[in-house]
Amino acid sequence: MIREARTFMLPGIIQTGRKQGMQLMDDALIELHARGLITAEEALARADQKQIVRQHMRSAVHTPQPAVFTPS
């Protein structure tokens, strides 16, 4: 794909490989935000498709996970 200058196909290939554990960066950012691990600003700053990420964050129910305490 890359050698043939067809990188525009990579997101579709990654989506197809979801069952094998592949995911787009934007999907990971949406999940991290939904889990309360990053802010919306951080997710949007690093997103490729900012409008799509913004729409997902608006429609998702935000349920932050409790912080895990690990003694040092």
N, C-alpha and C. Protein backbone atom coordinates (compact mmCIF):
# COMPACT_ATOMS: atom_id res chain seq x y z
N MET A 1 0.82 -1.19 0.00
CA MET A 1 0.00 0.00 0.00
C MET A 1 0.87 1.26 0.00
N ILE A 2 1.83 1.31 0.90
CA ILE A 2 2.65 2.51 1.03
C ILE A 2 3.52 2.69 -0.21
N ARG A 3 4.15 1.64 -0.65
CA ARG A 3 5.00 1.73 -1.84
C ARG A 3 4.21 2.14 -3.08
N GLU A 4 2.96 1.78 -3.11
CA GLU A 4 2.11 2.10 -4.25
C GLU A 4 1.40 3.44 -4.08
N ALA A 5 1.79 4.20 -3.04
CA ALA A 5 1.19 5.51 -2.75
C ALA A 5 -0.33 5.41 -2.55
N ARG A 6 -0.76 4.35 -1.89
CA ARG A 6 -2.20 4.16 -1.63
C ARG A 6 -2.47 4.18 -0.13
N THR A 7 -1.79 5.09 0.56
CA THR A 7 -1.94 5.17 2.01
C THR A 7 -3.36 5.57 2.43
N PHE A 8 -4.11 6.17 1.52
CA PHE A 8 -5.49 6.54 1.84
C PHE A 8 -6.32 5.31 2.19
N MET A 9 -5.85 4.12 1.83
CA MET A 9 -6.58 2.88 2.10
C MET A 9 -6.32 2.33 3.50
N LEU A 10 -5.29 2.83 4.18
CA LEU A 10 -4.90 2.27 5.47
C LEU A 10 -6.01 2.33 6.54
N PRO A 11 -6.71 3.44 6.72
CA PRO A 11 -7.76 3.44 7.74
C PRO A 11 -8.82 2.35 7.52
N GLY A 12 -9.19 2.11 6.29
CA GLY A 12 -10.17 1.05 6.00
C GLY A 12 -9.62 -0.33 6.31
N ILE A 13 -8.35 -0.53 6.02
CA ILE A 13 -7.70 -1.81 6.33
C ILE A 13 -7.64 -2.02 7.83
N ILE A 14 -7.31 -0.95 8.56
CA ILE A 14 -7.25 -1.06 10.03
C ILE A 14 -8.64 -1.35 10.59
N GLN A 15 -9.66 -0.70 10.08
CA GLN A 15 -11.03 -0.96 10.53
C GLN A 15 -11.41 -2.42 10.29
N THR A 16 -11.03 -2.94 9.14
CA THR A 16 -11.32 -4.34 8.81
C THR A 16 -10.60 -5.29 9.76
N GLY A 17 -9.43 -4.90 10.23
CA GLY A 17 -8.64 -5.74 11.13
C GLY A 17 -8.98 -5.59 12.60
N ARG A 18 -10.12 -4.98 12.89
CA ARG A 18 -10.52 -4.75 14.28
C ARG A 18 -10.57 -6.04 15.11
N LYS A 19 -11.05 -7.13 14.52
CA LYS A 19 -11.15 -8.41 15.25
C LYS A 19 -9.77 -8.95 15.63
N GLN A 20 -8.76 -8.55 14.88
CA GLN A 20 -7.40 -8.98 15.16
C GLN A 20 -6.69 -8.01 16.11
N GLY A 21 -7.41 -7.03 16.62
CA GLY A 21 -6.85 -6.11 17.61
C GLY A 21 -6.37 -4.78 17.05
N MET A 22 -6.59 -4.54 15.77
CA MET A 22 -6.17 -3.27 15.19
C MET A 22 -7.20 -2.19 15.51
N GLN A 23 -6.73 -0.96 15.72
CA GLN A 23 -7.65 0.14 15.92
C GLN A 23 -7.00 1.44 15.50
N LEU A 24 -7.83 2.36 15.07
CA LEU A 24 -7.36 3.67 14.67
C LEU A 24 -7.02 4.49 15.91
N MET A 25 -6.10 5.40 15.75
CA MET A 25 -5.73 6.29 16.85
C MET A 25 -6.95 7.03 17.38
N ASP A 26 -7.80 7.50 16.48
CA ASP A 26 -9.00 8.22 16.92
C ASP A 26 -9.90 7.34 17.78
N ASP A 27 -10.02 6.07 17.45
CA ASP A 27 -10.82 5.15 18.27
C ASP A 27 -10.22 4.99 19.66
N ALA A 28 -8.90 4.91 19.73
CA ALA A 28 -8.23 4.79 21.02
C ALA A 28 -8.44 6.05 21.85
N LEU A 29 -8.37 7.21 21.21
CA LEU A 29 -8.59 8.47 21.92
C LEU A 29 -10.01 8.56 22.46
N ILE A 30 -10.99 8.15 21.66
CA ILE A 30 -12.39 8.16 22.11
C ILE A 30 -12.55 7.26 23.32
N GLU A 31 -11.95 6.07 23.27
CA GLU A 31 -12.05 5.13 24.39
C GLU A 31 -11.38 5.68 25.64
N LEU A 32 -10.20 6.25 25.50
CA LEU A 32 -9.50 6.83 26.66
C LEU A 32 -10.29 7.97 27.28
N HIS A 33 -10.92 8.78 26.44
CA HIS A 33 -11.74 9.87 26.97
C HIS A 33 -12.97 9.31 27.69
N ALA A 34 -13.61 8.31 27.11
CA ALA A 34 -14.80 7.72 27.72
C ALA A 34 -14.48 7.10 29.07
N ARG A 35 -13.27 6.59 29.22
CA ARG A 35 -12.84 5.99 30.49
C ARG A 35 -12.34 7.03 31.48
N GLY A 36 -12.29 8.29 31.07
CA GLY A 36 -11.87 9.36 31.96
C GLY A 36 -10.37 9.46 32.14
N LEU A 37 -9.61 8.85 31.22
CA LEU A 37 -8.16 8.84 31.36
C LEU A 37 -7.48 10.02 30.68
N ILE A 38 -8.18 10.65 29.72
CA ILE A 38 -7.67 11.87 29.09
C ILE A 38 -8.82 12.86 28.95
N THR A 39 -8.47 14.11 28.82
CA THR A 39 -9.49 15.16 28.66
C THR A 39 -9.94 15.23 27.20
N ALA A 40 -11.05 15.89 27.00
CA ALA A 40 -11.55 16.10 25.64
C ALA A 40 -10.55 16.93 24.85
N GLU A 41 -9.94 17.90 25.51
CA GLU A 41 -8.96 18.76 24.82
C GLU A 41 -7.77 17.94 24.35
N GLU A 42 -7.29 17.03 25.18
CA GLU A 42 -6.15 16.18 24.81
C GLU A 42 -6.52 15.26 23.65
N ALA A 43 -7.71 14.69 23.70
CA ALA A 43 -8.16 13.81 22.62
C ALA A 43 -8.25 14.57 21.31
N LEU A 44 -8.85 15.74 21.34
CA LEU A 44 -9.02 16.52 20.12
C LEU A 44 -7.69 17.04 19.58
N ALA A 45 -6.76 17.35 20.47
CA ALA A 45 -5.46 17.85 20.03
C ALA A 45 -4.70 16.80 19.23
N ARG A 46 -4.92 15.53 19.55
CA ARG A 46 -4.18 14.45 18.91
C ARG A 46 -4.98 13.70 17.84
N ALA A 47 -6.25 14.05 17.69
CA ALA A 47 -7.12 13.34 16.75
C ALA A 47 -6.80 13.70 15.30
N ASP A 48 -6.99 12.72 14.44
CA ASP A 48 -6.83 12.93 13.01
C ASP A 48 -8.13 13.50 12.43
N GLN A 49 -9.24 12.87 12.74
CA GLN A 49 -10.56 13.31 12.28
C GLN A 49 -11.27 13.99 13.45
N LYS A 50 -10.91 15.24 13.71
CA LYS A 50 -11.39 15.95 14.89
C LYS A 50 -12.91 16.03 14.99
N GLN A 51 -13.59 16.27 13.88
CA GLN A 51 -15.04 16.40 13.90
C GLN A 51 -15.70 15.08 14.32
N ILE A 52 -15.20 13.97 13.82
CA ILE A 52 -15.76 12.66 14.16
C ILE A 52 -15.52 12.35 15.63
N VAL A 53 -14.32 12.64 16.11
CA VAL A 53 -14.01 12.40 17.52
C VAL A 53 -14.90 13.27 18.40
N ARG A 54 -15.09 14.52 18.03
CA ARG A 54 -15.95 15.43 18.78
C ARG A 54 -17.38 14.89 18.84
N GLN A 55 -17.90 14.38 17.74
CA GLN A 55 -19.26 13.83 17.71
C GLN A 55 -19.37 12.61 18.63
N HIS A 56 -18.39 11.74 18.60
CA HIS A 56 -18.42 10.55 19.46
C HIS A 56 -18.38 10.95 20.94
N MET A 57 -17.57 11.94 21.25
CA MET A 57 -17.47 12.36 22.65
C MET A 57 -18.77 13.00 23.13
N ARG A 58 -19.46 13.70 22.26
CA ARG A 58 -20.75 14.30 22.64
C ARG A 58 -21.81 13.24 22.89
N SER A 59 -21.78 12.17 22.10
CA SER A 59 -22.82 11.15 22.20
C SER A 59 -22.51 10.09 23.25
N ALA A 60 -21.26 9.98 23.66
CA ALA A 60 -20.87 8.94 24.63
C ALA A 60 -21.22 9.37 26.05
N VAL A 61 -21.56 8.40 26.85
CA VAL A 61 -21.80 8.64 28.27
C VAL A 61 -20.45 8.59 28.95
N HIS A 62 -20.09 9.67 29.62
CA HIS A 62 -18.79 9.76 30.27
C HIS A 62 -18.87 9.13 31.66
N THR A 63 -18.17 8.02 31.85
CA THR A 63 -18.13 7.35 33.14
C THR A 63 -16.67 7.16 33.55
N PRO A 64 -16.12 8.15 34.26
CA PRO A 64 -14.71 8.04 34.64
C PRO A 64 -14.47 6.87 35.57
N GLN A 65 -13.34 6.23 35.39
CA GLN A 65 -12.94 5.11 36.22
C GLN A 65 -12.22 5.65 37.45
N PRO A 66 -12.37 5.01 38.61
CA PRO A 66 -11.66 5.47 39.79
C PRO A 66 -10.16 5.29 39.61
N ALA A 67 -9.42 6.21 40.19
CA ALA A 67 -7.96 6.12 40.13
C ALA A 67 -7.49 4.94 40.98
N VAL A 68 -6.47 4.28 40.52
CA VAL A 68 -5.91 3.15 41.25
C VAL A 68 -4.70 3.66 42.04
N PHE A 69 -4.72 3.44 43.33
CA PHE A 69 -3.61 3.87 44.18
C PHE A 69 -2.58 2.76 44.27
N THR A 70 -1.36 3.11 43.95
CA THR A 70 -0.26 2.16 44.10
C THR A 70 0.80 2.79 44.97
N PRO A 71 1.04 2.21 46.14
CA PRO A 71 2.04 2.81 47.05
C PRO A 71 3.44 2.73 46.43
N SER A 72 4.24 3.75 46.69
CA SER A 72 5.59 3.76 46.12
C SER A 72 6.65 3.22 47.04
